Amino acid sequence: MEKVAALQRKGDAKRLGKWLTGEEVCGQLRISQRTLQKLRDRGFIGYSQIGFRFYYKPEDVKRLIPLVGTICPTDR
């Protein structure tokens, strides 16, 4: 969290502030952390990693909403 805060202070705070955490993405897509990991591993969603935390662009998450049931049908 300290690294994220430092990056926000350093420059493009508006853009970085729009990124979503893994927990937020799981809540929006109604999936588990493991399913989110599968989406990352299979290249369905882009991300940035700082330390052990992953961050996602809101537009990538919105793009996946109608596809989640077809990408990981048994994980829902």
N, C-alpha and C. Protein backbone atom coordinates (compact mmCIF):
# COMPACT_ATOMS: atom_id res chain seq x y z
N MET A 1 0.83 -1.19 0.00
CA MET A 1 0.00 0.00 0.00
C MET A 1 0.88 1.26 0.00
N GLU A 2 2.00 1.20 0.66
CA GLU A 2 2.89 2.37 0.70
C GLU A 2 3.41 2.70 -0.69
N LYS A 3 3.72 1.66 -1.48
CA LYS A 3 4.21 1.89 -2.84
C LYS A 3 3.14 2.55 -3.70
N VAL A 4 1.90 2.10 -3.56
CA VAL A 4 0.80 2.68 -4.33
C VAL A 4 0.61 4.13 -3.94
N ALA A 5 0.62 4.41 -2.65
CA ALA A 5 0.46 5.79 -2.18
C ALA A 5 1.59 6.67 -2.70
N ALA A 6 2.80 6.14 -2.72
CA ALA A 6 3.95 6.91 -3.21
C ALA A 6 3.79 7.22 -4.70
N LEU A 7 3.32 6.23 -5.46
CA LEU A 7 3.10 6.45 -6.90
C LEU A 7 2.01 7.48 -7.14
N GLN A 8 0.97 7.45 -6.33
CA GLN A 8 -0.11 8.42 -6.48
C GLN A 8 0.39 9.82 -6.20
N ARG A 9 1.21 9.96 -5.19
CA ARG A 9 1.75 11.29 -4.87
C ARG A 9 2.74 11.75 -5.93
N LYS A 10 3.48 10.83 -6.48
CA LYS A 10 4.56 11.18 -7.40
C LYS A 10 4.08 11.76 -8.72
N GLY A 11 2.96 11.29 -9.22
CA GLY A 11 2.57 11.78 -10.54
C GLY A 11 1.12 11.59 -10.86
N ASP A 12 0.87 10.68 -11.73
CA ASP A 12 -0.42 10.50 -12.35
C ASP A 12 -1.44 9.91 -11.37
N ALA A 13 -1.76 10.62 -10.33
CA ALA A 13 -2.63 10.12 -9.27
C ALA A 13 -4.04 9.84 -9.77
N LYS A 14 -4.55 10.65 -10.66
CA LYS A 14 -5.91 10.45 -11.16
C LYS A 14 -6.03 9.12 -11.89
N ARG A 15 -5.08 8.84 -12.75
CA ARG A 15 -5.13 7.61 -13.53
C ARG A 15 -4.93 6.39 -12.63
N LEU A 16 -3.95 6.41 -11.75
CA LEU A 16 -3.70 5.28 -10.87
C LEU A 16 -4.84 5.07 -9.90
N GLY A 17 -5.48 6.15 -9.47
CA GLY A 17 -6.58 6.04 -8.53
C GLY A 17 -7.78 5.31 -9.10
N LYS A 18 -7.87 5.20 -10.41
CA LYS A 18 -9.01 4.53 -11.05
C LYS A 18 -8.84 3.02 -11.12
N TRP A 19 -7.66 2.52 -10.84
CA TRP A 19 -7.43 1.08 -10.92
C TRP A 19 -8.16 0.38 -9.79
N LEU A 20 -8.59 -0.86 -10.03
CA LEU A 20 -9.34 -1.64 -9.05
C LEU A 20 -8.46 -2.72 -8.44
N THR A 21 -8.74 -3.03 -7.18
CA THR A 21 -8.03 -4.13 -6.52
C THR A 21 -8.68 -5.45 -6.92
N GLY A 22 -8.01 -6.54 -6.61
CA GLY A 22 -8.56 -7.86 -6.90
C GLY A 22 -9.88 -8.10 -6.19
N GLU A 23 -9.99 -7.62 -4.95
CA GLU A 23 -11.22 -7.79 -4.20
C GLU A 23 -12.38 -7.07 -4.86
N GLU A 24 -12.13 -5.86 -5.36
CA GLU A 24 -13.18 -5.10 -6.05
C GLU A 24 -13.61 -5.79 -7.34
N VAL A 25 -12.63 -6.33 -8.07
CA VAL A 25 -12.95 -7.04 -9.32
C VAL A 25 -13.78 -8.28 -9.04
N CYS A 26 -13.39 -9.05 -8.03
CA CYS A 26 -14.15 -10.25 -7.67
C CYS A 26 -15.59 -9.89 -7.30
N GLY A 27 -15.76 -8.80 -6.58
CA GLY A 27 -17.10 -8.37 -6.21
C GLY A 27 -17.93 -7.96 -7.41
N GLN A 28 -17.33 -7.24 -8.34
CA GLN A 28 -18.07 -6.79 -9.52
C GLN A 28 -18.42 -7.95 -10.45
N LEU A 29 -17.49 -8.88 -10.60
CA LEU A 29 -17.72 -10.00 -11.52
C LEU A 29 -18.38 -11.19 -10.83
N ARG A 30 -18.49 -11.12 -9.50
CA ARG A 30 -19.07 -12.21 -8.70
C ARG A 30 -18.32 -13.51 -8.93
N ILE A 31 -17.00 -13.44 -8.79
CA ILE A 31 -16.14 -14.60 -8.96
C ILE A 31 -15.21 -14.70 -7.75
N SER A 32 -14.54 -15.83 -7.62
CA SER A 32 -13.60 -16.04 -6.52
C SER A 32 -12.23 -15.50 -6.91
N GLN A 33 -11.36 -15.40 -5.91
CA GLN A 33 -9.98 -14.97 -6.16
C GLN A 33 -9.29 -15.97 -7.11
N ARG A 34 -9.57 -17.24 -6.95
CA ARG A 34 -8.96 -18.26 -7.79
C ARG A 34 -9.40 -18.11 -9.25
N THR A 35 -10.67 -17.81 -9.47
CA THR A 35 -11.15 -17.60 -10.83
C THR A 35 -10.49 -16.37 -11.45
N LEU A 36 -10.32 -15.33 -10.65
CA LEU A 36 -9.63 -14.14 -11.14
C LEU A 36 -8.19 -14.48 -11.53
N GLN A 37 -7.55 -15.33 -10.74
CA GLN A 37 -6.19 -15.77 -11.06
C GLN A 37 -6.17 -16.53 -12.38
N LYS A 38 -7.17 -17.38 -12.61
CA LYS A 38 -7.27 -18.11 -13.88
C LYS A 38 -7.43 -17.15 -15.05
N LEU A 39 -8.23 -16.10 -14.88
CA LEU A 39 -8.41 -15.11 -15.95
C LEU A 39 -7.10 -14.41 -16.25
N ARG A 40 -6.32 -14.10 -15.22
CA ARG A 40 -4.99 -13.49 -15.41
C ARG A 40 -4.08 -14.46 -16.14
N ASP A 41 -4.01 -15.70 -15.65
CA ASP A 41 -3.12 -16.70 -16.22
C ASP A 41 -3.42 -16.99 -17.69
N ARG A 42 -4.70 -16.96 -18.05
CA ARG A 42 -5.11 -17.25 -19.42
C ARG A 42 -5.08 -16.03 -20.33
N GLY A 43 -4.76 -14.87 -19.77
CA GLY A 43 -4.63 -13.66 -20.56
C GLY A 43 -5.94 -12.96 -20.89
N PHE A 44 -7.00 -13.28 -20.15
CA PHE A 44 -8.29 -12.64 -20.40
C PHE A 44 -8.38 -11.24 -19.82
N ILE A 45 -7.55 -10.95 -18.81
CA ILE A 45 -7.60 -9.64 -18.17
C ILE A 45 -6.17 -9.15 -17.92
N GLY A 46 -5.95 -7.90 -18.27
CA GLY A 46 -4.66 -7.30 -18.02
C GLY A 46 -4.57 -6.82 -16.58
N TYR A 47 -3.37 -6.65 -16.09
CA TYR A 47 -3.18 -6.23 -14.71
C TYR A 47 -1.81 -5.60 -14.53
N SER A 48 -1.64 -4.94 -13.43
CA SER A 48 -0.35 -4.46 -12.98
C SER A 48 -0.14 -4.99 -11.57
N GLN A 49 1.09 -5.35 -11.27
CA GLN A 49 1.38 -5.90 -9.96
C GLN A 49 2.37 -5.01 -9.23
N ILE A 50 2.02 -4.68 -8.00
CA ILE A 50 2.92 -3.93 -7.12
C ILE A 50 3.06 -4.76 -5.85
N GLY A 51 4.24 -5.27 -5.63
CA GLY A 51 4.43 -6.17 -4.50
C GLY A 51 3.64 -7.44 -4.75
N PHE A 52 2.80 -7.81 -3.80
CA PHE A 52 1.96 -9.00 -3.94
C PHE A 52 0.53 -8.67 -4.33
N ARG A 53 0.24 -7.41 -4.64
CA ARG A 53 -1.12 -7.00 -4.99
C ARG A 53 -1.26 -6.77 -6.48
N PHE A 54 -2.43 -7.10 -6.99
CA PHE A 54 -2.72 -6.93 -8.41
C PHE A 54 -3.76 -5.82 -8.56
N TYR A 55 -3.61 -5.03 -9.63
CA TYR A 55 -4.52 -3.93 -9.92
C TYR A 55 -5.00 -4.05 -11.35
N TYR A 56 -6.27 -3.68 -11.56
CA TYR A 56 -6.93 -3.89 -12.85
C TYR A 56 -7.59 -2.60 -13.32
N LYS A 57 -7.60 -2.40 -14.64
CA LYS A 57 -8.26 -1.24 -15.22
C LYS A 57 -9.76 -1.49 -15.24
N PRO A 58 -10.55 -0.50 -14.85
CA PRO A 58 -12.01 -0.67 -14.84
C PRO A 58 -12.58 -1.05 -16.21
N GLU A 59 -12.02 -0.50 -17.28
CA GLU A 59 -12.55 -0.81 -18.61
C GLU A 59 -12.31 -2.28 -18.98
N ASP A 60 -11.23 -2.89 -18.50
CA ASP A 60 -11.00 -4.31 -18.74
C ASP A 60 -12.01 -5.16 -17.99
N VAL A 61 -12.34 -4.74 -16.77
CA VAL A 61 -13.31 -5.46 -15.96
C VAL A 61 -14.69 -5.38 -16.61
N LYS A 62 -15.09 -4.20 -17.06
CA LYS A 62 -16.40 -4.02 -17.71
C LYS A 62 -16.52 -4.88 -18.96
N ARG A 63 -15.42 -5.00 -19.68
CA ARG A 63 -15.42 -5.81 -20.91
C ARG A 63 -15.67 -7.28 -20.59
N LEU A 64 -15.26 -7.74 -19.42
CA LEU A 64 -15.41 -9.14 -19.05
C LEU A 64 -16.77 -9.50 -18.48
N ILE A 65 -17.53 -8.53 -18.02
CA ILE A 65 -18.80 -8.82 -17.35
C ILE A 65 -19.70 -9.76 -18.17
N PRO A 66 -19.95 -9.49 -19.45
CA PRO A 66 -20.83 -10.41 -20.19
C PRO A 66 -20.17 -11.74 -20.55
N LEU A 67 -18.84 -11.83 -20.41
CA LEU A 67 -18.12 -13.03 -20.84
C LEU A 67 -17.79 -14.01 -19.72
N VAL A 68 -17.93 -13.59 -18.48
CA VAL A 68 -17.48 -14.43 -17.35
C VAL A 68 -18.15 -15.80 -17.37
N GLY A 69 -19.42 -15.86 -17.63
CA GLY A 69 -20.12 -17.14 -17.64
C GLY A 69 -19.63 -18.10 -18.71
N THR A 70 -19.13 -17.57 -19.81
CA THR A 70 -18.65 -18.44 -20.88
C THR A 70 -17.17 -18.78 -20.73
N ILE A 71 -16.41 -17.90 -20.09
CA ILE A 71 -14.97 -18.16 -19.90
C ILE A 71 -14.76 -19.20 -18.82
N CYS A 72 -15.44 -19.04 -17.70
CA CYS A 72 -15.29 -19.94 -16.54
C CYS A 72 -16.67 -20.37 -16.06
N PRO A 73 -17.37 -21.17 -16.83
CA PRO A 73 -18.76 -21.49 -16.48
C PRO A 73 -18.93 -22.29 -15.19
N THR A 74 -17.99 -23.16 -14.85
CA THR A 74 -18.16 -23.99 -13.65
C THR A 74 -17.69 -23.31 -12.39
N ASP A 75 -16.99 -22.19 -12.51
CA ASP A 75 -16.42 -21.51 -11.35
C ASP A 75 -17.37 -20.51 -10.72
N ARG A 76 -18.53 -20.29 -11.27
CA ARG A 76 -19.44 -19.28 -10.75
C ARG A 76 -20.22 -19.78 -9.64
